[in-house]
């Protein structure tokens, strides 16, 4: 059993910053690549960023590239998403997700490739 719990969401003005965290507990040895997805009201789940198990590889959606940074600390079983220069269009529920397979491949931005999911944390960016 694996549990993912997100934290750090909140209300911020446009141009501001927020840092999200995801705590992974349980059978953590079975979790490899980690990702962040988001879902705005009335929209589908959108890929934001992903990081490999080792932390040496990362991938970002074009919409957040240069503004968001994903990182992980395997010793503490945590994954972070630093979000800078936030825009109103970044408003969404942000979900942490984990893959069961060790591959780092072209599927890393597909939500159905992730097996473990947190319940999400709301980020609201005001204009």
N, C-alpha and C. Protein backbone atom coordinates (compact mmCIF):
# COMPACT_ATOMS: atom_id res chain seq x y z
N UNK A 1 0.85 -1.19 0.00
CA UNK A 1 0.00 0.00 0.00
C UNK A 1 0.89 1.24 0.00
N UNK A 2 0.55 2.17 -0.87
CA UNK A 2 1.30 3.42 -0.97
C UNK A 2 0.34 4.58 -0.80
N UNK A 3 0.72 5.56 -0.02
CA UNK A 3 -0.09 6.76 0.15
C UNK A 3 0.70 7.99 -0.28
N UNK A 4 0.03 8.87 -0.99
CA UNK A 4 0.61 10.14 -1.41
C UNK A 4 -0.24 11.26 -0.83
N UNK A 5 0.40 12.19 -0.17
CA UNK A 5 -0.32 13.31 0.44
C UNK A 5 0.33 14.62 0.02
N UNK A 6 -0.45 15.45 -0.66
CA UNK A 6 0.05 16.74 -1.10
C UNK A 6 -0.19 17.81 -0.03
N UNK A 7 0.65 18.82 -0.05
CA UNK A 7 0.47 19.97 0.83
C UNK A 7 1.10 21.20 0.18
N UNK A 8 0.75 22.37 0.70
CA UNK A 8 1.37 23.59 0.23
C UNK A 8 0.51 24.46 -0.66
N UNK A 9 -0.67 23.99 -1.01
CA UNK A 9 -1.54 24.80 -1.84
C UNK A 9 -2.06 26.01 -1.10
N UNK A 10 -2.68 26.92 -1.84
CA UNK A 10 -3.24 28.11 -1.20
C UNK A 10 -3.55 29.18 -2.22
N UNK A 11 -3.78 30.39 -1.72
CA UNK A 11 -4.11 31.54 -2.55
C UNK A 11 -2.89 32.44 -2.68
N UNK A 12 -2.57 32.82 -3.90
CA UNK A 12 -1.43 33.68 -4.15
C UNK A 12 -1.77 34.64 -5.27
N UNK A 13 -1.16 35.81 -5.24
CA UNK A 13 -1.37 36.78 -6.31
C UNK A 13 -0.54 36.41 -7.53
N UNK A 14 -0.99 36.85 -8.67
CA UNK A 14 -0.24 36.63 -9.91
C UNK A 14 1.17 37.19 -9.75
N UNK A 15 2.14 36.42 -10.23
CA UNK A 15 3.53 36.80 -10.09
C UNK A 15 4.19 36.24 -8.84
N UNK A 16 3.39 35.69 -7.95
CA UNK A 16 3.91 35.14 -6.71
C UNK A 16 4.40 33.71 -6.86
N UNK A 17 4.77 33.12 -5.73
CA UNK A 17 5.33 31.77 -5.72
C UNK A 17 4.64 30.90 -4.68
N UNK A 18 4.65 29.61 -4.95
CA UNK A 18 4.18 28.61 -4.00
C UNK A 18 5.05 27.39 -4.14
N UNK A 19 5.18 26.64 -3.05
CA UNK A 19 5.93 25.39 -3.09
C UNK A 19 5.02 24.27 -2.62
N UNK A 20 4.81 23.30 -3.49
CA UNK A 20 4.00 22.13 -3.15
C UNK A 20 4.91 20.99 -2.73
N UNK A 21 4.42 20.18 -1.81
CA UNK A 21 5.15 19.00 -1.39
C UNK A 21 4.24 17.78 -1.49
N UNK A 22 4.86 16.64 -1.71
CA UNK A 22 4.14 15.37 -1.75
C UNK A 22 4.89 14.38 -0.87
N UNK A 23 4.23 13.92 0.15
CA UNK A 23 4.84 12.93 1.04
C UNK A 23 4.39 11.54 0.63
N UNK A 24 5.35 10.67 0.40
CA UNK A 24 5.07 9.29 -0.01
C UNK A 24 5.32 8.37 1.16
N UNK A 25 4.34 7.55 1.49
CA UNK A 25 4.50 6.62 2.61
C UNK A 25 4.00 5.25 2.22
N UNK A 26 4.30 4.27 3.08
CA UNK A 26 3.92 2.90 2.79
C UNK A 26 5.04 2.17 2.08
N UNK A 27 4.69 1.38 1.07
CA UNK A 27 5.67 0.57 0.35
C UNK A 27 6.35 1.44 -0.72
N UNK A 28 7.19 2.34 -0.27
CA UNK A 28 7.80 3.33 -1.16
C UNK A 28 8.77 2.73 -2.15
N UNK A 29 9.27 1.53 -1.88
CA UNK A 29 10.21 0.89 -2.81
C UNK A 29 9.56 0.55 -4.13
N UNK A 30 8.23 0.54 -4.15
CA UNK A 30 7.52 0.22 -5.38
C UNK A 30 7.12 1.43 -6.19
N UNK A 31 7.59 2.60 -5.82
CA UNK A 31 7.26 3.84 -6.52
C UNK A 31 8.51 4.37 -7.22
N UNK A 32 8.41 4.65 -8.48
CA UNK A 32 9.57 5.08 -9.26
C UNK A 32 9.44 6.53 -9.69
N UNK A 33 9.20 6.79 -10.95
CA UNK A 33 9.05 8.17 -11.40
C UNK A 33 7.85 8.82 -10.71
N UNK A 34 7.98 10.11 -10.46
CA UNK A 34 6.90 10.86 -9.83
C UNK A 34 6.50 12.03 -10.72
N UNK A 35 5.25 12.38 -10.65
CA UNK A 35 4.78 13.47 -11.48
C UNK A 35 3.79 14.36 -10.75
N UNK A 36 3.61 15.54 -11.30
CA UNK A 36 2.56 16.46 -10.84
C UNK A 36 1.61 16.70 -12.02
N UNK A 37 0.34 16.62 -11.72
CA UNK A 37 -0.69 16.93 -12.69
C UNK A 37 -1.61 17.98 -12.07
N UNK A 38 -2.41 18.62 -12.90
CA UNK A 38 -3.36 19.58 -12.37
C UNK A 38 -4.67 19.49 -13.14
N UNK A 39 -5.72 19.92 -12.46
CA UNK A 39 -7.04 19.91 -13.08
C UNK A 39 -7.78 21.17 -12.70
N UNK A 40 -8.04 22.00 -13.69
CA UNK A 40 -8.80 23.23 -13.49
C UNK A 40 -10.29 22.90 -13.59
N UNK A 41 -11.14 23.73 -13.04
CA UNK A 41 -12.58 23.49 -13.10
C UNK A 41 -13.06 23.33 -14.53
N UNK A 42 -13.77 22.25 -14.79
CA UNK A 42 -14.33 22.01 -16.11
C UNK A 42 -13.34 21.52 -17.14
N UNK A 43 -12.13 21.21 -16.72
CA UNK A 43 -11.11 20.76 -17.67
C UNK A 43 -10.58 19.40 -17.26
N UNK A 44 -9.87 18.78 -18.18
CA UNK A 44 -9.28 17.48 -17.91
C UNK A 44 -7.99 17.59 -17.13
N UNK A 45 -7.49 16.44 -16.71
CA UNK A 45 -6.24 16.42 -15.95
C UNK A 45 -5.06 16.69 -16.90
N UNK A 46 -4.22 17.62 -16.50
CA UNK A 46 -3.13 18.11 -17.35
C UNK A 46 -1.78 17.81 -16.72
N UNK A 47 -0.87 17.31 -17.51
CA UNK A 47 0.49 17.07 -17.04
C UNK A 47 1.19 18.38 -16.72
N UNK A 48 1.94 18.40 -15.62
CA UNK A 48 2.70 19.58 -15.24
C UNK A 48 4.20 19.30 -15.28
N UNK A 49 4.63 18.31 -14.54
CA UNK A 49 6.06 18.01 -14.46
C UNK A 49 6.25 16.58 -13.96
N UNK A 50 7.42 16.01 -14.26
CA UNK A 50 7.75 14.67 -13.80
C UNK A 50 9.24 14.58 -13.53
N UNK A 51 9.61 13.66 -12.67
CA UNK A 51 11.01 13.47 -12.31
C UNK A 51 11.27 11.98 -12.18
N UNK A 52 12.45 11.56 -12.63
CA UNK A 52 12.82 10.16 -12.57
C UNK A 52 13.12 9.73 -11.14
N UNK A 53 13.22 8.42 -10.92
CA UNK A 53 13.48 7.90 -9.58
C UNK A 53 14.77 8.47 -9.01
N UNK A 54 15.79 8.53 -9.85
CA UNK A 54 17.10 9.03 -9.39
C UNK A 54 17.13 10.54 -9.23
N UNK A 55 16.17 11.21 -9.86
CA UNK A 55 16.16 12.67 -9.80
C UNK A 55 17.03 13.33 -10.86
N UNK A 56 17.67 12.52 -11.69
CA UNK A 56 18.57 13.08 -12.69
C UNK A 56 17.86 13.53 -13.96
N UNK A 57 16.64 13.05 -14.16
CA UNK A 57 15.89 13.46 -15.35
C UNK A 57 14.57 14.10 -14.93
N UNK A 58 14.18 15.12 -15.67
CA UNK A 58 12.90 15.79 -15.41
C UNK A 58 12.29 16.24 -16.73
N UNK A 59 11.01 16.46 -16.69
CA UNK A 59 10.29 16.85 -17.90
C UNK A 59 9.16 17.79 -17.48
N UNK A 60 8.92 18.82 -18.29
CA UNK A 60 7.91 19.82 -17.95
C UNK A 60 6.95 20.07 -19.11
N UNK A 61 5.76 20.43 -18.76
CA UNK A 61 4.83 20.92 -19.77
C UNK A 61 5.34 22.27 -20.27
N UNK A 62 5.09 22.54 -21.54
CA UNK A 62 5.56 23.81 -22.11
C UNK A 62 5.00 25.01 -21.34
N UNK A 63 3.81 24.87 -20.83
CA UNK A 63 3.14 25.99 -20.16
C UNK A 63 3.79 26.39 -18.84
N UNK A 64 4.61 25.51 -18.27
CA UNK A 64 5.24 25.81 -16.98
C UNK A 64 6.76 25.83 -17.06
N UNK A 65 7.30 25.49 -18.20
CA UNK A 65 8.75 25.42 -18.36
C UNK A 65 9.38 26.78 -18.06
N UNK A 66 10.43 26.77 -17.24
CA UNK A 66 11.09 28.00 -16.87
C UNK A 66 10.50 28.68 -15.65
N UNK A 67 9.31 28.23 -15.23
CA UNK A 67 8.66 28.82 -14.05
C UNK A 67 8.55 27.82 -12.90
N UNK A 68 8.36 26.54 -13.23
CA UNK A 68 8.20 25.51 -12.21
C UNK A 68 9.45 24.62 -12.18
N UNK A 69 9.75 24.11 -10.99
CA UNK A 69 10.86 23.19 -10.82
C UNK A 69 10.42 22.02 -9.95
N UNK A 70 10.64 20.82 -10.46
CA UNK A 70 10.31 19.62 -9.70
C UNK A 70 11.59 19.04 -9.10
N UNK A 71 11.49 18.52 -7.88
CA UNK A 71 12.65 17.91 -7.24
C UNK A 71 12.16 16.80 -6.32
N UNK A 72 13.07 15.96 -5.87
CA UNK A 72 12.68 14.89 -4.96
C UNK A 72 13.81 14.61 -3.99
N UNK A 73 13.42 14.10 -2.84
CA UNK A 73 14.37 13.69 -1.80
C UNK A 73 13.99 12.27 -1.42
N UNK A 74 14.70 11.30 -1.97
CA UNK A 74 14.34 9.90 -1.73
C UNK A 74 14.59 9.48 -0.29
N UNK A 75 15.51 10.13 0.38
CA UNK A 75 15.79 9.80 1.78
C UNK A 75 14.58 10.17 2.66
N UNK A 76 13.88 11.22 2.25
CA UNK A 76 12.71 11.68 3.01
C UNK A 76 11.40 11.29 2.34
N UNK A 77 11.50 10.59 1.21
CA UNK A 77 10.30 10.16 0.47
C UNK A 77 9.37 11.33 0.17
N UNK A 78 9.95 12.39 -0.37
CA UNK A 78 9.15 13.56 -0.71
C UNK A 78 9.47 14.05 -2.12
N UNK A 79 8.49 14.66 -2.72
CA UNK A 79 8.63 15.29 -4.03
C UNK A 79 8.11 16.71 -3.90
N UNK A 80 8.80 17.63 -4.54
CA UNK A 80 8.43 19.03 -4.42
C UNK A 80 8.18 19.66 -5.79
N UNK A 81 7.34 20.66 -5.79
CA UNK A 81 7.11 21.44 -7.00
C UNK A 81 7.18 22.91 -6.61
N UNK A 82 8.27 23.56 -7.01
CA UNK A 82 8.43 24.98 -6.77
C UNK A 82 7.81 25.73 -7.93
N UNK A 83 6.86 26.59 -7.62
CA UNK A 83 6.13 27.31 -8.67
C UNK A 83 6.38 28.80 -8.51
N UNK A 84 7.00 29.37 -9.52
CA UNK A 84 7.30 30.81 -9.52
C UNK A 84 6.54 31.50 -10.65
N UNK A 85 6.47 32.81 -10.56
CA UNK A 85 5.81 33.61 -11.60
C UNK A 85 4.44 33.05 -11.94
N UNK A 86 3.67 32.80 -10.92
CA UNK A 86 2.37 32.16 -11.11
C UNK A 86 1.40 33.07 -11.87
N UNK A 87 0.57 32.42 -12.66
CA UNK A 87 -0.43 33.12 -13.47
C UNK A 87 -1.82 32.65 -13.09
N UNK A 88 -2.84 33.44 -13.35
CA UNK A 88 -4.20 33.00 -13.04
C UNK A 88 -4.55 31.67 -13.70
N UNK A 89 -4.00 31.42 -14.88
CA UNK A 89 -4.29 30.17 -15.57
C UNK A 89 -3.62 28.96 -14.91
N UNK A 90 -2.80 29.18 -13.91
CA UNK A 90 -2.23 28.07 -13.14
C UNK A 90 -3.19 27.58 -12.06
N UNK A 91 -4.29 28.29 -11.88
CA UNK A 91 -5.28 27.90 -10.88
C UNK A 91 -5.84 26.52 -11.19
N UNK A 92 -5.73 25.62 -10.21
CA UNK A 92 -6.18 24.23 -10.41
C UNK A 92 -5.97 23.46 -9.12
N UNK A 93 -6.51 22.25 -9.10
CA UNK A 93 -6.14 21.29 -8.07
C UNK A 93 -4.91 20.55 -8.59
N UNK A 94 -3.88 20.51 -7.78
CA UNK A 94 -2.63 19.87 -8.17
C UNK A 94 -2.51 18.51 -7.50
N UNK A 95 -2.21 17.51 -8.31
CA UNK A 95 -2.12 16.14 -7.84
C UNK A 95 -0.70 15.60 -7.99
N UNK A 96 -0.27 14.89 -6.98
CA UNK A 96 0.98 14.16 -7.02
C UNK A 96 0.68 12.73 -7.48
N UNK A 97 1.55 12.17 -8.29
CA UNK A 97 1.31 10.83 -8.80
C UNK A 97 2.62 10.05 -8.90
N UNK A 98 2.51 8.73 -8.78
CA UNK A 98 3.69 7.88 -8.85
C UNK A 98 3.50 6.70 -9.80
N UNK A 99 4.56 6.33 -10.48
CA UNK A 99 4.53 5.19 -11.39
C UNK A 99 5.06 3.93 -10.71
N UNK A 100 4.54 2.80 -11.12
CA UNK A 100 4.97 1.51 -10.58
C UNK A 100 6.13 0.93 -11.36
N UNK A 101 6.41 1.48 -12.54
CA UNK A 101 7.46 0.92 -13.38
C UNK A 101 8.66 1.86 -13.40
N UNK A 102 9.88 1.29 -13.54
CA UNK A 102 11.09 2.10 -13.44
C UNK A 102 11.45 2.87 -14.71
N UNK A 103 10.74 2.65 -15.81
CA UNK A 103 11.12 3.29 -17.06
C UNK A 103 10.96 4.80 -17.00
N UNK A 104 11.86 5.47 -17.69
CA UNK A 104 11.74 6.91 -17.94
C UNK A 104 11.58 7.03 -19.45
N UNK A 105 10.37 7.25 -19.90
CA UNK A 105 10.10 7.16 -21.34
C UNK A 105 9.14 8.23 -21.79
N UNK A 106 8.70 8.11 -23.04
CA UNK A 106 7.84 9.14 -23.64
C UNK A 106 6.45 9.16 -23.04
N UNK A 107 6.14 8.18 -22.21
CA UNK A 107 4.81 8.13 -21.60
C UNK A 107 4.76 8.89 -20.28
N UNK A 108 5.83 9.54 -19.92
CA UNK A 108 5.94 10.14 -18.59
C UNK A 108 4.92 11.25 -18.37
N UNK A 109 4.35 11.77 -19.46
CA UNK A 109 3.38 12.86 -19.29
C UNK A 109 1.94 12.40 -19.45
N UNK A 110 1.72 11.08 -19.45
CA UNK A 110 0.38 10.54 -19.61
C UNK A 110 -0.18 10.14 -18.25
N UNK A 111 -1.32 10.69 -17.90
CA UNK A 111 -1.84 10.47 -16.54
C UNK A 111 -2.14 8.99 -16.31
N UNK A 112 -2.55 8.25 -17.31
CA UNK A 112 -2.93 6.85 -17.11
C UNK A 112 -1.72 5.93 -16.93
N UNK A 113 -0.52 6.50 -17.06
CA UNK A 113 0.69 5.73 -16.81
C UNK A 113 1.05 5.72 -15.31
N UNK A 114 0.30 6.50 -14.54
CA UNK A 114 0.59 6.61 -13.12
C UNK A 114 -0.40 5.75 -12.35
N UNK A 115 0.11 5.04 -11.36
CA UNK A 115 -0.74 4.13 -10.60
C UNK A 115 -1.19 4.73 -9.27
N UNK A 116 -0.29 5.46 -8.63
CA UNK A 116 -0.57 6.01 -7.30
C UNK A 116 -0.91 7.49 -7.43
N UNK A 117 -1.93 7.91 -6.67
CA UNK A 117 -2.37 9.30 -6.74
C UNK A 117 -2.69 9.83 -5.35
N UNK A 118 -2.39 11.11 -5.16
CA UNK A 118 -2.83 11.79 -3.96
C UNK A 118 -4.22 12.38 -4.19
N UNK A 119 -4.74 13.02 -3.16
CA UNK A 119 -6.08 13.59 -3.26
C UNK A 119 -6.08 15.02 -3.78
N UNK A 120 -4.91 15.61 -3.89
CA UNK A 120 -4.81 16.93 -4.48
C UNK A 120 -4.76 18.07 -3.49
N UNK A 121 -4.21 19.19 -3.96
CA UNK A 121 -4.18 20.41 -3.16
C UNK A 121 -4.52 21.57 -4.10
N UNK A 122 -5.36 22.48 -3.61
CA UNK A 122 -5.86 23.56 -4.45
C UNK A 122 -4.90 24.73 -4.48
N UNK A 123 -4.60 25.17 -5.69
CA UNK A 123 -3.80 26.37 -5.90
C UNK A 123 -4.67 27.39 -6.62
N UNK A 124 -4.80 28.56 -6.02
CA UNK A 124 -5.60 29.63 -6.61
C UNK A 124 -4.72 30.85 -6.81
N UNK A 125 -4.65 31.32 -8.06
CA UNK A 125 -3.84 32.48 -8.38
C UNK A 125 -4.77 33.62 -8.78
N UNK A 126 -4.74 34.68 -8.03
CA UNK A 126 -5.62 35.81 -8.30
C UNK A 126 -4.92 36.83 -9.19
N UNK A 127 -5.71 37.51 -10.00
CA UNK A 127 -5.13 38.48 -10.95
C UNK A 127 -5.05 39.87 -10.34
